[in-house]
C-alpha atoms as a PDB file:
ATOM      1  CA  MET A   1      -0.782 -28.058  24.479  1.00  0.00           C
ATOM      2  CA  ALA A   2       2.579 -27.665  22.717  1.00  0.00           C
ATOM      3  CA  LYS A   3       0.868 -28.210  19.364  1.00  0.00           C
ATOM      4  CA  ARG A   4      -1.605 -25.424  20.127  1.00  0.00           C
ATOM      5  CA  LEU A   5       1.147 -23.031  21.189  1.00  0.00           C
ATOM      6  CA  SER A   6       3.178 -23.785  18.060  1.00  0.00           C
ATOM      7  CA  MET A   7       0.191 -22.671  16.000  1.00  0.00           C
ATOM      8  CA  ILE A   8      -0.747 -19.607  18.065  1.00  0.00           C
ATOM      9  CA  LEU A   9       2.711 -18.076  18.632  1.00  0.00           C
ATOM     10  CA  PRO A  10       3.485 -17.385  14.930  1.00  0.00           C
ATOM     11  CA  LEU A  11       0.104 -15.665  14.572  1.00  0.00           C
ATOM     12  CA  LEU A  12       0.760 -13.486  17.614  1.00  0.00           C
ATOM     13  CA  ALA A  13       4.216 -12.591  16.272  1.00  0.00           C
ATOM     14  CA  LEU A  14       2.670 -11.566  12.941  1.00  0.00           C
ATOM     15  CA  LEU A  15       0.135  -9.385  14.738  1.00  0.00           C
ATOM     16  CA  LEU A  16       2.807  -7.641  16.815  1.00  0.00           C
ATOM     17  CA  ILE A  17       5.052  -7.030  13.801  1.00  0.00           C
ATOM     18  CA  THR A  18       2.266  -5.505  11.719  1.00  0.00           C
ATOM     19  CA  MET A  19       0.955  -3.395  14.578  1.00  0.00           C
ATOM     20  CA  ALA A  20       4.424  -1.948  15.104  1.00  0.00           C
ATOM     21  CA  ALA A  21       4.763  -0.900  11.448  1.00  0.00           C
ATOM     22  CA  PRO A  22       5.351   2.847  10.968  1.00  0.00           C
ATOM     23  CA  ALA A  23       2.205   4.763  10.015  1.00  0.00           C
ATOM     24  CA  SER A  24       3.569   8.124   8.819  1.00  0.00           C
ATOM     25  CA  ALA A  25       2.816   9.408   5.310  1.00  0.00           C
ATOM     26  CA  GLY A  26       4.600   7.490   2.568  1.00  0.00           C
ATOM     27  CA  GLU A  27       5.503   4.637   4.883  1.00  0.00           C
ATOM     28  CA  MET A  28       3.734   1.372   5.517  1.00  0.00           C
ATOM     29  CA  GLY A  29       1.295   1.218   8.370  1.00  0.00           C
ATOM     30  CA  PHE A  30      -2.384   0.943   9.108  1.00  0.00           C
ATOM     31  CA  LYS A  31      -4.317   3.558   7.108  1.00  0.00           C
ATOM     32  CA  GLU A  32      -7.945   2.528   7.649  1.00  0.00           C
ATOM     33  CA  TRP A  33     -10.329   1.235  10.261  1.00  0.00           C
ATOM     34  CA  GLY A  34     -13.911   0.094   9.978  1.00  0.00           C
ATOM     35  CA  LEU A  35     -16.925  -1.473  11.629  1.00  0.00           C
ATOM     36  CA  THR A  36     -19.032  -4.216  10.018  1.00  0.00           C
ATOM     37  CA  ALA A  37     -22.245  -5.980  11.038  1.00  0.00           C
ATOM     38  CA  PHE A  38     -22.780  -9.546   9.845  1.00  0.00           C
ATOM     39  CA  GLY A  39     -25.283 -12.385   9.856  1.00  0.00           C
ATOM     40  CA  ASN A  40     -24.622 -16.089   9.178  1.00  0.00           C
ATOM     41  CA  LEU A  41     -26.718 -19.113   8.299  1.00  0.00           C
ATOM     42  CA  SER A  42     -24.879 -22.420   8.685  1.00  0.00           C
ATOM     43  CA  MET A  43     -25.253 -24.903   5.846  1.00  0.00           C
ATOM     44  CA  ASP A  44     -23.986 -28.206   7.187  1.00  0.00           C
ATOM     45  CA  VAL A  45     -25.222 -28.612  10.735  1.00  0.00           C
ATOM     46  CA  ASN A  46     -26.814 -32.055  11.094  1.00  0.00           C
ATOM     47  CA  ASN A  47     -29.295 -31.328  13.866  1.00  0.00           C
ATOM     48  CA  GLY A  48     -30.921 -28.026  12.914  1.00  0.00           C
ATOM     49  CA  ASP A  49     -30.257 -24.469  11.828  1.00  0.00           C
ATOM     50  CA  LEU A  50     -27.445 -22.507  13.439  1.00  0.00           C
ATOM     51  CA  TYR A  51     -27.575 -18.723  13.098  1.00  0.00           C
ATOM     52  CA  GLU A  52     -25.007 -16.119  14.086  1.00  0.00           C
ATOM     53  CA  GLY A  53     -24.989 -12.342  14.175  1.00  0.00           C
ATOM     54  CA  GLY A  54     -22.320  -9.933  15.306  1.00  0.00           C
ATOM     55  CA  ILE A  55     -19.824  -7.235  14.499  1.00  0.00           C
ATOM     56  CA  PHE A  56     -16.191  -7.034  13.576  1.00  0.00           C
ATOM     57  CA  VAL A  57     -13.758  -4.162  13.698  1.00  0.00           C
ATOM     58  CA  HIS A  58     -10.876  -4.031  11.242  1.00  0.00           C
ATOM     59  CA  VAL A  59      -7.689  -2.108  10.611  1.00  0.00           C
ATOM     60  CA  ALA A  60      -6.122  -2.206   7.149  1.00  0.00           C
ATOM     61  CA  MET A  61      -2.637  -1.602   5.776  1.00  0.00           C
ATOM     62  CA  PRO A  62      -2.166  -1.166   2.000  1.00  0.00           C
ATOM     63  CA  LEU A  63       0.520  -3.497   0.653  1.00  0.00           C
ATOM     64  CA  VAL A  64       0.042  -2.532  -3.019  1.00  0.00           C
ATOM     65  CA  ASP A  65      -1.792   0.587  -4.193  1.00  0.00           C
ATOM     66  CA  ASN A  66      -1.828   1.723  -7.822  1.00  0.00           C
ATOM     67  CA  GLU A  67      -4.416   2.810 -10.404  1.00  0.00           C
ATOM     68  CA  ASP A  68      -5.509  -0.779 -11.154  1.00  0.00           C
ATOM     69  CA  VAL A  69      -5.570  -2.574  -7.794  1.00  0.00           C
ATOM     70  CA  ARG A  70      -5.123  -2.144  -4.080  1.00  0.00           C
ATOM     71  CA  LEU A  71      -4.104  -5.061  -1.852  1.00  0.00           C
ATOM     72  CA  ASP A  72      -4.667  -4.604   1.885  1.00  0.00           C
ATOM     73  CA  PHE A  73      -3.480  -6.614   4.859  1.00  0.00           C
ATOM     74  CA  ARG A  74      -6.385  -6.580   7.312  1.00  0.00           C
ATOM     75  CA  LEU A  75      -6.664  -7.496  10.941  1.00  0.00           C
ATOM     76  CA  GLU A  76     -10.211  -8.206  12.111  1.00  0.00           C
ATOM     77  CA  GLY A  77     -11.499  -8.565  15.655  1.00  0.00           C
ATOM     78  CA  LEU A  78     -14.856 -10.358  15.721  1.00  0.00           C
ATOM     79  CA  VAL A  79     -17.567 -10.809  18.357  1.00  0.00           C
ATOM     80  CA  GLY A  80     -20.704 -12.789  17.556  1.00  0.00           C
ATOM     81  CA  GLY A  81     -23.559 -14.715  19.096  1.00  0.00           C
ATOM     82  CA  PHE A  82     -25.084 -18.055  17.984  1.00  0.00           C
ATOM     83  CA  TRP A  83     -28.698 -19.161  18.406  1.00  0.00           C
ATOM     84  CA  ASP A  84     -31.288 -21.797  17.471  1.00  0.00           C
ATOM     85  CA  TYR A  85     -29.521 -25.206  17.222  1.00  0.00           C
ATOM     86  CA  GLY A  86     -26.844 -24.024  19.651  1.00  0.00           C
ATOM     87  CA  ASN A  87     -26.493 -20.946  21.823  1.00  0.00           C
ATOM     88  CA  GLY A  88     -23.147 -19.341  22.501  1.00  0.00           C
ATOM     89  CA  VAL A  89     -20.646 -16.630  21.684  1.00  0.00           C
ATOM     90  CA  GLU A  90     -17.660 -16.406  19.360  1.00  0.00           C
ATOM     91  CA  VAL A  91     -14.575 -14.182  19.472  1.00  0.00           C
ATOM     92  CA  ALA A  92     -11.834 -14.237  16.854  1.00  0.00           C
ATOM     93  CA  ILE A  93      -8.788 -12.384  15.544  1.00  0.00           C
ATOM     94  CA  ILE A  94      -8.414 -12.898  11.813  1.00  0.00           C
ATOM     95  CA  PRO A  95      -5.445 -11.787   9.679  1.00  0.00           C
ATOM     96  CA  ALA A  96      -6.674 -11.425   6.083  1.00  0.00           C
ATOM     97  CA  LEU A  97      -5.941 -10.071   2.610  1.00  0.00           C
ATOM     98  CA  ARG A  98      -8.385  -8.031   0.522  1.00  0.00           C
ATOM     99  CA  LEU A  99      -7.850  -7.134  -3.154  1.00  0.00           C
ATOM    100  CA  TYR A 100      -9.757  -4.126  -4.527  1.00  0.00           C
ATOM    101  CA  ILE A 101     -10.074  -4.050  -8.315  1.00  0.00           C
ATOM    102  CA  GLY A 102     -10.121  -0.599  -9.932  1.00  0.00           C
ATOM    103  CA  LYS A 103     -10.846   2.895  -8.611  1.00  0.00           C
ATOM    104  CA  ALA A 104     -14.424   3.495  -9.858  1.00  0.00           C
ATOM    105  CA  ALA A 105     -17.544   4.771  -8.074  1.00  0.00           C
ATOM    106  CA  VAL A 106     -18.244   1.154  -7.057  1.00  0.00           C
ATOM    107  CA  ILE A 107     -15.139  -0.959  -6.344  1.00  0.00           C
ATOM    108  CA  PRO A 108     -15.385  -4.774  -6.329  1.00  0.00           C
ATOM    109  CA  TYR A 109     -13.160  -6.800  -4.012  1.00  0.00           C
ATOM    110  CA  ILE A 110     -12.172 -10.370  -3.216  1.00  0.00           C
ATOM    111  CA  GLU A 111     -10.812 -11.447   0.155  1.00  0.00           C
ATOM    112  CA  GLY A 112      -9.667 -14.330   2.296  1.00  0.00           C
ATOM    113  CA  GLY A 113      -8.450 -14.895   5.836  1.00  0.00           C
ATOM    114  CA  ILE A 114      -7.774 -17.455   8.537  1.00  0.00           C
ATOM    115  CA  GLY A 115      -7.145 -17.087  12.241  1.00  0.00           C
ATOM    116  CA  PRO A 116      -7.820 -18.316  15.772  1.00  0.00           C
ATOM    117  CA  SER A 117     -11.367 -18.370  17.071  1.00  0.00           C
ATOM    118  CA  TYR A 118     -12.969 -19.278  20.370  1.00  0.00           C
ATOM    119  CA  ASN A 119     -16.630 -20.164  20.742  1.00  0.00           C
ATOM    120  CA  SER A 120     -18.717 -21.448  23.604  1.00  0.00           C
ATOM    121  CA  LEU A 121     -20.906 -23.746  21.484  1.00  0.00           C
ATOM    122  CA  ASP A 122     -21.275 -27.330  22.636  1.00  0.00           C
ATOM    123  CA  ILE A 123     -22.372 -29.072  19.436  1.00  0.00           C
ATOM    124  CA  GLN A 124     -21.122 -32.249  17.781  1.00  0.00           C
ATOM    125  CA  GLU A 125     -19.892 -30.400  14.665  1.00  0.00           C
ATOM    126  CA  LEU A 126     -17.211 -28.599  16.696  1.00  0.00           C
ATOM    127  CA  GLY A 127     -14.731 -30.092  19.131  1.00  0.00           C
ATOM    128  CA  ILE A 128     -13.082 -27.874  21.704  1.00  0.00           C
ATOM    129  CA  GLY A 129     -13.793 -24.156  22.217  1.00  0.00           C
ATOM    130  CA  PHE A 130     -10.539 -23.206  20.442  1.00  0.00           C
ATOM    131  CA  ASN A 131     -10.985 -23.364  16.664  1.00  0.00           C
ATOM    132  CA  PHE A 132      -9.857 -21.734  13.455  1.00  0.00           C
ATOM    133  CA  LEU A 133     -12.086 -19.541  11.332  1.00  0.00           C
ATOM    134  CA  SER A 134     -11.342 -19.331   7.610  1.00  0.00           C
ATOM    135  CA  TYR A 135     -13.230 -17.506   4.882  1.00  0.00           C
ATOM    136  CA  GLY A 136     -13.269 -16.432   1.259  1.00  0.00           C
ATOM    137  CA  GLY A 137     -15.444 -13.565   0.135  1.00  0.00           C
ATOM    138  CA  VAL A 138     -16.496 -11.015  -2.456  1.00  0.00           C
ATOM    139  CA  GLY A 139     -18.072  -7.608  -2.136  1.00  0.00           C
ATOM    140  CA  LEU A 140     -18.484  -4.027  -3.241  1.00  0.00           C
ATOM    141  CA  ARG A 141     -17.036  -0.862  -1.725  1.00  0.00           C
ATOM    142  CA  ILE A 142     -18.688   2.483  -2.414  1.00  0.00           C
ATOM    143  CA  PRO A 143     -16.451   5.481  -1.623  1.00  0.00           C
ATOM    144  CA  LEU A 144     -18.381   8.432  -0.215  1.00  0.00           C
ATOM    145  CA  GLN A 145     -16.846  11.752   0.797  1.00  0.00           C
ATOM    146  CA  ASN A 146     -14.251  12.668   3.437  1.00  0.00           C
ATOM    147  CA  ASN A 147     -12.411   9.311   3.336  1.00  0.00           C
ATOM    148  CA  VAL A 148     -15.542   7.319   4.222  1.00  0.00           C
ATOM    149  CA  SER A 149     -16.703   4.201   2.362  1.00  0.00           C
ATOM    150  CA  ILE A 150     -19.564   1.755   2.770  1.00  0.00           C
ATOM    151  CA  GLU A 151     -19.250  -1.939   1.945  1.00  0.00           C
ATOM    152  CA  PHE A 152     -21.575  -4.825   1.132  1.00  0.00           C
ATOM    153  CA  GLY A 153     -20.162  -8.337   1.075  1.00  0.00           C
ATOM    154  CA  TYR A 154     -20.630 -12.092   1.119  1.00  0.00           C
ATOM    155  CA  ARG A 155     -18.331 -14.648   2.755  1.00  0.00           C
ATOM    156  CA  LEU A 156     -18.228 -18.416   2.798  1.00  0.00           C
ATOM    157  CA  ARG A 157     -16.963 -19.198   6.326  1.00  0.00           C
ATOM    158  CA  HIS A 158     -15.707 -22.397   7.908  1.00  0.00           C
ATOM    159  CA  ILE A 159     -14.999 -23.010  11.600  1.00  0.00           C
ATOM    160  CA  SER A 160     -13.004 -26.108  12.538  1.00  0.00           C
ATOM    161  CA  ASN A 161     -10.548 -27.233  15.193  1.00  0.00           C
ATOM    162  CA  ALA A 162      -8.012 -28.287  12.504  1.00  0.00           C
ATOM    163  CA  GLY A 163      -7.570 -31.701  14.113  1.00  0.00           C
ATOM    164  CA  LEU A 164      -6.421 -30.326  17.485  1.00  0.00           C
ATOM    165  CA  ASP A 165      -9.125 -32.271  19.325  1.00  0.00           C
ATOM    166  CA  GLU A 166     -11.721 -34.903  18.431  1.00  0.00           C
ATOM    167  CA  ARG A 167     -12.380 -35.311  14.720  1.00  0.00           C
ATOM    168  CA  ASN A 168     -15.327 -33.285  13.452  1.00  0.00           C
ATOM    169  CA  HIS A 169     -16.358 -31.744  10.185  1.00  0.00           C
ATOM    170  CA  GLY A 170     -16.700 -28.205  11.521  1.00  0.00           C
ATOM    171  CA  VAL A 171     -19.378 -25.716  10.529  1.00  0.00           C
ATOM    172  CA  THR A 172     -19.607 -23.961   7.157  1.00  0.00           C
ATOM    173  CA  SER A 173     -21.862 -20.932   6.765  1.00  0.00           C
ATOM    174  CA  ASN A 174     -22.994 -18.182   4.406  1.00  0.00           C
ATOM    175  CA  GLN A 175     -22.293 -14.703   5.759  1.00  0.00           C
ATOM    176  CA  ALA A 176     -23.846 -11.427   4.605  1.00  0.00           C
ATOM    177  CA  GLN A 177     -22.261  -8.201   5.826  1.00  0.00           C
ATOM    178  CA  PHE A 178     -22.602  -4.433   5.728  1.00  0.00           C
ATOM    179  CA  GLY A 179     -19.898  -2.069   6.940  1.00  0.00           C
ATOM    180  CA  ILE A 180     -18.409   1.384   6.995  1.00  0.00           C
ATOM    181  CA  ALA A 181     -14.704   2.264   6.772  1.00  0.00           C
ATOM    182  CA  TRP A 182     -12.696   5.414   7.481  1.00  0.00           C
ATOM    183  CA  ALA A 183      -9.306   6.154   5.902  1.00  0.00           C
ATOM    184  CA  PHE A 184      -6.813   8.142   7.987  1.00  0.00           C
END
């Protein structure tokens, strides 16, 4: 239990610090929120196919923003459902970084994140309900009008208990996503 708390408390502190950042013009703070739908197909489940679909909501804070790149700190809240090989739900809070390259009509990005996850699956590839979700991804953002953008992306995701419980190899999956974001 102490090992779990020592891993969770620093993440909670980071979340509280970033949420308390000032958001007025010219200062750091969250400047965007968005909603994304996703679908996953797991690649390394031994006993069958495991699918997941869901949504995540994000808030984003620019850390670097110039004519060449924009680097955002993102905080994502995720809710998803699994089916086929295993049935269950997943909830997660994922701190992440996303790097946008350029300021064209179509803006490519790369991203990565890791954070705590809970799922109700009872399959041999996962241990306890508490896990960590990590991902790396690429995508395209298309700015529209009135501070609205749409996004298409791909992520390689991995869910594992990081050795907190019985040894297991976790679950790795391909994720496709489509979202919309609003700057404020």
